[in-house]
N, C-alpha and C. Protein backbone atom coordinates (compact mmCIF):
# COMPACT_ATOMS: atom_id res chain seq x y z
N MET A 1 0.82 -1.21 -0.01
CA MET A 1 0.04 -0.03 -0.04
C MET A 1 0.90 1.20 -0.01
N GLY A 2 2.12 1.02 -0.34
CA GLY A 2 2.90 2.26 -0.50
C GLY A 2 3.85 2.42 0.65
N SER A 3 4.79 3.28 0.55
CA SER A 3 5.72 3.53 1.52
C SER A 3 5.15 4.59 2.60
N ASN A 4 5.60 4.51 3.71
CA ASN A 4 4.96 5.44 4.75
C ASN A 4 6.00 6.60 5.00
N SER A 5 6.73 7.02 4.03
CA SER A 5 7.51 8.23 4.23
C SER A 5 7.51 9.24 3.06
N ASN A 6 7.79 10.33 3.40
CA ASN A 6 7.84 11.43 2.39
C ASN A 6 9.14 11.45 1.61
N ASP A 7 9.37 12.49 0.78
CA ASP A 7 10.54 12.49 -0.11
C ASP A 7 11.89 12.37 0.71
N THR A 8 11.82 12.96 2.03
CA THR A 8 13.01 13.00 2.73
C THR A 8 13.28 11.77 3.61
N GLY A 9 12.33 10.79 3.46
CA GLY A 9 12.47 9.50 4.26
C GLY A 9 11.77 9.66 5.61
N GLU A 10 11.20 10.76 5.96
CA GLU A 10 10.52 10.91 7.27
C GLU A 10 9.04 10.63 7.17
N VAL A 11 8.53 9.94 8.13
CA VAL A 11 7.13 9.73 8.18
C VAL A 11 6.42 11.07 8.41
N ALA A 12 5.27 11.16 7.58
CA ALA A 12 4.53 12.32 7.67
C ALA A 12 3.61 12.35 8.91
N MET A 13 3.65 13.30 9.73
CA MET A 13 2.75 13.42 10.88
C MET A 13 1.26 13.49 10.49
N LEU A 14 0.46 12.84 11.27
CA LEU A 14 -0.97 12.94 11.00
C LEU A 14 -1.55 14.10 11.81
N ASN A 15 -2.19 15.02 11.24
CA ASN A 15 -2.83 16.18 11.93
C ASN A 15 -4.31 16.02 11.83
N VAL A 16 -4.96 16.25 12.97
CA VAL A 16 -6.42 16.22 12.98
C VAL A 16 -7.05 17.53 13.47
N GLN A 17 -7.93 18.06 12.64
CA GLN A 17 -8.68 19.24 13.11
C GLN A 17 -10.07 18.89 13.23
N THR A 18 -10.78 19.26 14.35
CA THR A 18 -12.10 18.88 14.58
C THR A 18 -13.08 20.11 14.47
N LYS A 19 -14.17 19.87 13.87
CA LYS A 19 -15.21 20.88 13.78
C LYS A 19 -16.55 20.28 14.22
N LYS A 20 -17.22 20.78 15.16
CA LYS A 20 -18.50 20.29 15.56
C LYS A 20 -19.70 21.04 15.02
N LEU A 21 -20.60 20.38 14.45
CA LEU A 21 -21.79 20.98 13.92
C LEU A 21 -23.03 20.24 14.59
N GLY A 22 -23.44 20.82 15.70
CA GLY A 22 -24.55 20.13 16.47
C GLY A 22 -23.91 18.84 17.05
N ARG A 23 -24.58 17.77 16.68
CA ARG A 23 -24.15 16.45 17.27
C ARG A 23 -23.34 15.65 16.18
N VAL A 24 -22.87 16.47 15.23
CA VAL A 24 -21.93 15.83 14.19
C VAL A 24 -20.56 16.41 14.33
N ALA A 25 -19.56 15.48 14.43
CA ALA A 25 -18.21 15.94 14.43
C ALA A 25 -17.51 15.62 13.09
N ILE A 26 -16.92 16.71 12.50
CA ILE A 26 -16.16 16.51 11.23
C ILE A 26 -14.73 16.60 11.60
N LEU A 27 -13.96 15.59 11.34
CA LEU A 27 -12.50 15.62 11.54
C LEU A 27 -11.78 15.61 10.19
N SER A 28 -11.02 16.70 10.04
CA SER A 28 -10.24 16.84 8.86
C SER A 28 -8.85 16.36 9.04
N LEU A 29 -8.44 15.37 8.36
CA LEU A 29 -7.21 14.79 8.49
C LEU A 29 -6.13 15.22 7.41
N GLN A 30 -4.92 15.34 7.90
CA GLN A 30 -3.96 15.66 6.97
C GLN A 30 -2.68 14.86 7.26
N GLY A 31 -2.08 14.22 6.24
CA GLY A 31 -0.86 13.36 6.45
C GLY A 31 -1.16 11.90 6.07
N GLU A 32 -0.64 11.04 6.81
CA GLU A 32 -0.73 9.56 6.52
C GLU A 32 -1.29 8.80 7.79
N ILE A 33 -2.30 7.97 7.38
CA ILE A 33 -2.85 7.09 8.54
C ILE A 33 -2.06 5.77 8.45
N VAL A 34 -0.95 5.83 9.21
CA VAL A 34 -0.08 4.63 9.12
C VAL A 34 0.37 4.29 10.54
N ILE A 35 1.00 3.10 10.56
CA ILE A 35 1.47 2.71 11.90
C ILE A 35 2.37 3.70 12.46
N GLY A 36 2.19 4.12 13.77
CA GLY A 36 3.01 5.13 14.34
C GLY A 36 2.38 6.50 14.34
N GLN A 37 1.35 6.65 13.59
CA GLN A 37 0.66 7.92 13.33
C GLN A 37 -0.77 7.83 13.75
N THR A 38 -1.30 6.74 14.18
CA THR A 38 -2.76 6.63 14.34
C THR A 38 -3.34 7.06 15.76
N GLU A 39 -2.42 7.17 16.78
CA GLU A 39 -2.90 7.55 18.08
C GLU A 39 -3.60 8.97 18.08
N THR A 40 -3.06 9.82 17.23
CA THR A 40 -3.57 11.19 17.10
C THR A 40 -5.11 11.14 16.68
N LEU A 41 -5.29 10.31 15.66
CA LEU A 41 -6.78 10.08 15.23
C LEU A 41 -7.57 9.42 16.33
N ARG A 42 -7.07 8.30 16.86
CA ARG A 42 -7.81 7.62 17.90
C ARG A 42 -8.14 8.55 19.10
N ASP A 43 -7.15 9.34 19.55
CA ASP A 43 -7.39 10.26 20.63
C ASP A 43 -8.43 11.30 20.29
N ALA A 44 -8.40 11.83 19.06
CA ALA A 44 -9.36 12.80 18.66
C ALA A 44 -10.79 12.30 18.67
N VAL A 45 -10.98 11.08 18.11
CA VAL A 45 -12.27 10.49 18.14
C VAL A 45 -12.71 10.14 19.54
N GLU A 46 -11.82 9.51 20.31
CA GLU A 46 -12.28 9.13 21.67
C GLU A 46 -12.53 10.30 22.57
N SER A 47 -11.93 11.50 22.28
CA SER A 47 -12.18 12.59 23.08
C SER A 47 -13.46 13.38 22.82
N LEU A 48 -14.15 12.93 21.73
CA LEU A 48 -15.38 13.61 21.35
C LEU A 48 -16.56 13.26 22.43
N PRO A 49 -17.37 14.26 22.66
CA PRO A 49 -18.57 13.93 23.44
C PRO A 49 -19.44 13.00 22.67
N ARG A 50 -20.44 12.47 23.22
CA ARG A 50 -21.29 11.52 22.53
C ARG A 50 -21.90 12.26 21.26
N MET A 51 -21.55 11.76 20.03
CA MET A 51 -22.03 12.36 18.83
C MET A 51 -22.90 11.50 18.10
N SER A 52 -23.79 12.05 17.31
CA SER A 52 -24.69 11.19 16.45
C SER A 52 -23.90 10.72 15.34
N SER A 53 -22.87 11.48 14.83
CA SER A 53 -22.15 11.01 13.63
C SER A 53 -20.72 11.52 13.69
N VAL A 54 -19.77 10.75 13.18
CA VAL A 54 -18.40 11.15 13.06
C VAL A 54 -18.15 11.06 11.57
N ILE A 55 -17.68 12.17 11.06
CA ILE A 55 -17.27 12.19 9.58
C ILE A 55 -15.77 12.51 9.42
N LEU A 56 -15.08 11.70 8.75
CA LEU A 56 -13.62 11.94 8.49
C LEU A 56 -13.51 12.44 7.14
N ASP A 57 -12.88 13.72 6.98
CA ASP A 57 -12.59 14.33 5.74
C ASP A 57 -11.17 13.86 5.42
N LEU A 58 -11.07 12.96 4.41
CA LEU A 58 -9.73 12.50 3.99
C LEU A 58 -9.12 13.17 2.84
N SER A 59 -9.54 14.39 2.48
CA SER A 59 -9.10 15.06 1.28
C SER A 59 -7.54 15.34 1.31
N ARG A 60 -6.96 15.40 2.45
CA ARG A 60 -5.53 15.68 2.56
C ARG A 60 -4.78 14.54 3.19
N VAL A 61 -5.33 13.30 3.03
CA VAL A 61 -4.54 12.11 3.41
C VAL A 61 -4.06 11.52 2.21
N ARG A 62 -2.74 11.28 2.29
CA ARG A 62 -1.91 10.72 1.15
C ARG A 62 -1.86 9.18 1.10
N LEU A 63 -1.94 8.54 2.34
CA LEU A 63 -1.59 7.18 2.40
C LEU A 63 -2.25 6.55 3.61
N MET A 64 -2.70 5.31 3.47
CA MET A 64 -3.22 4.61 4.58
C MET A 64 -2.65 3.10 4.50
N ASP A 65 -2.07 2.65 5.66
CA ASP A 65 -1.54 1.30 5.57
C ASP A 65 -2.52 0.37 6.31
N ALA A 66 -2.11 -0.94 6.47
CA ALA A 66 -3.04 -1.89 7.09
C ALA A 66 -3.31 -1.50 8.51
N HIS A 67 -2.34 -1.03 9.19
CA HIS A 67 -2.66 -0.69 10.57
C HIS A 67 -3.65 0.55 10.61
N GLY A 68 -3.53 1.45 9.75
CA GLY A 68 -4.47 2.51 9.66
C GLY A 68 -5.92 2.02 9.36
N LEU A 69 -5.98 1.08 8.50
CA LEU A 69 -7.31 0.44 8.10
C LEU A 69 -7.93 -0.18 9.40
N GLY A 70 -7.04 -0.90 10.17
CA GLY A 70 -7.52 -1.52 11.32
C GLY A 70 -8.10 -0.43 12.32
N VAL A 71 -7.32 0.55 12.52
CA VAL A 71 -7.82 1.66 13.47
C VAL A 71 -9.12 2.22 12.94
N MET A 72 -9.22 2.46 11.72
CA MET A 72 -10.52 3.00 11.15
C MET A 72 -11.70 2.03 11.38
N LEU A 73 -11.38 0.66 11.22
CA LEU A 73 -12.44 -0.26 11.50
C LEU A 73 -12.82 -0.20 13.00
N GLN A 74 -11.84 -0.12 13.90
CA GLN A 74 -12.14 -0.07 15.26
C GLN A 74 -12.89 1.17 15.60
N LEU A 75 -12.54 2.32 15.09
CA LEU A 75 -13.27 3.52 15.37
C LEU A 75 -14.77 3.47 14.90
N ARG A 76 -14.84 2.81 13.62
CA ARG A 76 -16.19 2.68 13.14
C ARG A 76 -17.03 1.84 14.03
N GLN A 77 -16.53 0.72 14.38
CA GLN A 77 -17.25 -0.22 15.31
C GLN A 77 -17.70 0.51 16.61
N GLU A 78 -16.71 1.18 17.22
CA GLU A 78 -17.05 1.90 18.50
C GLU A 78 -18.11 2.91 18.30
N SER A 79 -17.99 3.67 17.28
CA SER A 79 -19.08 4.66 16.93
C SER A 79 -20.43 4.03 16.76
N HIS A 80 -20.52 2.98 16.02
CA HIS A 80 -21.75 2.27 15.78
C HIS A 80 -22.31 1.65 17.08
N ALA A 81 -21.36 1.11 18.04
CA ALA A 81 -21.78 0.60 19.21
C ALA A 81 -22.50 1.66 20.22
N LYS A 82 -22.04 2.89 20.01
CA LYS A 82 -22.67 3.98 20.68
C LYS A 82 -23.90 4.55 20.11
N GLY A 83 -24.31 3.98 18.97
CA GLY A 83 -25.51 4.44 18.23
C GLY A 83 -25.16 5.52 17.22
N GLY A 84 -23.92 5.83 17.02
CA GLY A 84 -23.56 6.90 16.11
C GLY A 84 -23.20 6.39 14.67
N GLY A 85 -23.12 7.36 13.79
CA GLY A 85 -22.62 7.00 12.39
C GLY A 85 -21.19 7.20 12.26
N PHE A 86 -20.65 6.73 11.17
CA PHE A 86 -19.18 6.91 10.93
C PHE A 86 -19.04 6.92 9.41
N GLN A 87 -18.55 7.96 8.84
CA GLN A 87 -18.53 8.12 7.42
C GLN A 87 -17.16 8.73 7.00
N LEU A 88 -16.68 8.29 5.78
CA LEU A 88 -15.41 8.80 5.11
C LEU A 88 -15.91 9.68 3.96
N VAL A 89 -15.40 10.89 3.91
CA VAL A 89 -15.77 11.84 2.73
C VAL A 89 -14.51 12.37 2.16
N ASN A 90 -14.66 12.88 0.91
CA ASN A 90 -13.53 13.41 0.16
C ASN A 90 -12.39 12.48 0.08
N VAL A 91 -12.75 11.25 -0.33
CA VAL A 91 -11.83 10.18 -0.44
C VAL A 91 -11.09 10.17 -1.79
N SER A 92 -9.85 10.28 -1.84
CA SER A 92 -9.06 10.37 -3.05
C SER A 92 -9.11 8.96 -3.73
N GLN A 93 -8.73 9.06 -5.08
CA GLN A 93 -8.75 7.85 -5.83
C GLN A 93 -7.88 6.84 -5.31
N THR A 94 -6.66 7.29 -4.74
CA THR A 94 -5.70 6.39 -4.29
C THR A 94 -6.25 5.61 -3.02
N LEU A 95 -6.87 6.31 -2.04
CA LEU A 95 -7.38 5.67 -0.89
C LEU A 95 -8.64 4.85 -1.26
N ARG A 96 -9.44 5.23 -2.26
CA ARG A 96 -10.57 4.49 -2.74
C ARG A 96 -10.04 3.11 -3.22
N GLU A 97 -8.96 3.15 -4.01
CA GLU A 97 -8.42 1.88 -4.55
C GLU A 97 -8.00 1.04 -3.43
N ILE A 98 -7.31 1.53 -2.37
CA ILE A 98 -6.93 0.77 -1.18
C ILE A 98 -8.15 0.14 -0.61
N LEU A 99 -9.18 0.86 -0.40
CA LEU A 99 -10.48 0.32 0.17
C LEU A 99 -11.10 -0.74 -0.78
N GLN A 100 -10.95 -0.59 -2.04
CA GLN A 100 -11.60 -1.57 -2.92
C GLN A 100 -10.62 -2.88 -2.92
N ILE A 101 -9.41 -2.69 -2.97
CA ILE A 101 -8.43 -3.94 -2.93
C ILE A 101 -8.69 -4.71 -1.64
N THR A 102 -8.89 -4.04 -0.57
CA THR A 102 -9.07 -4.74 0.73
C THR A 102 -10.61 -5.07 0.93
N ARG A 103 -11.46 -4.73 0.08
CA ARG A 103 -12.85 -5.03 0.11
C ARG A 103 -13.59 -4.30 1.28
N LEU A 104 -12.96 -3.21 1.67
CA LEU A 104 -13.56 -2.39 2.78
C LEU A 104 -14.43 -1.22 2.29
N ASP A 105 -14.50 -1.07 0.85
CA ASP A 105 -15.23 -0.10 0.27
C ASP A 105 -16.69 -0.23 0.64
N ASN A 106 -17.17 -1.49 0.80
CA ASN A 106 -18.54 -1.83 1.17
C ASN A 106 -18.83 -1.58 2.63
N VAL A 107 -17.79 -1.70 3.43
CA VAL A 107 -17.96 -1.47 4.90
C VAL A 107 -17.96 0.07 5.16
N PHE A 108 -17.12 0.80 4.60
CA PHE A 108 -17.04 2.29 4.84
C PHE A 108 -18.00 3.11 3.85
N GLN A 109 -18.25 2.60 2.69
CA GLN A 109 -18.98 3.27 1.65
C GLN A 109 -18.49 4.78 1.52
N PRO A 110 -17.19 4.97 1.16
CA PRO A 110 -16.69 6.21 1.04
C PRO A 110 -17.23 7.09 0.03
N SER A 111 -17.19 8.45 0.30
CA SER A 111 -17.81 9.44 -0.61
C SER A 111 -16.76 10.38 -1.12
N SER A 112 -16.76 10.73 -2.36
CA SER A 112 -15.88 11.70 -2.84
C SER A 112 -16.63 13.03 -2.99
N ALA A 113 -17.93 13.05 -2.66
CA ALA A 113 -18.71 14.35 -2.92
C ALA A 113 -19.62 14.88 -1.80
N VAL A 114 -19.53 14.31 -0.63
CA VAL A 114 -20.42 14.77 0.42
C VAL A 114 -20.03 16.14 0.95
N LEU A 115 -18.70 16.40 1.10
CA LEU A 115 -18.31 17.77 1.38
C LEU A 115 -17.67 18.30 0.15
N ALA A 116 -18.26 19.34 -0.42
CA ALA A 116 -17.75 19.83 -1.71
C ALA A 116 -16.29 20.42 -1.61
N GLN A 117 -15.97 20.93 -0.35
CA GLN A 117 -14.71 21.54 -0.20
C GLN A 117 -14.11 20.91 1.10
N PRO A 118 -12.77 20.70 1.05
CA PRO A 118 -12.16 20.24 2.45
C PRO A 118 -12.45 21.38 3.46
N ILE A 119 -12.38 20.87 4.71
CA ILE A 119 -12.68 21.72 5.86
C ILE A 119 -11.40 22.57 6.04
N ALA A 120 -11.66 23.89 6.17
CA ALA A 120 -10.59 24.85 6.27
C ALA A 120 -9.94 24.72 7.74
N ALA A 121 -8.75 24.95 7.69
CA ALA A 121 -7.93 24.88 8.91
C ALA A 121 -8.40 25.96 9.96
């Protein structure tokens, strides 16, 4: 699923920005969802108050590895167990292909059009 480093060989940090709209939390992610970088995402989702829906904006995510997919599955399961929704939006073609290869596109049902623009910083 690709290398987890940038052009200089360093792993790109995962940044998470949260925006709450009522009982919906939109988390804008930037970087790579790879081993060693997923705690930021997990902490951000777990620190949310009880929400009706968690939406992850992946427009600025370049890469996701198997560990990242596992974390996403866990977060989805935890959200559903609390009666909430979990959705991926602004999914790039590269990430969409990763989801298709792993057959997780039917689990996450990613969208490239729910949020017309990435969430501003």
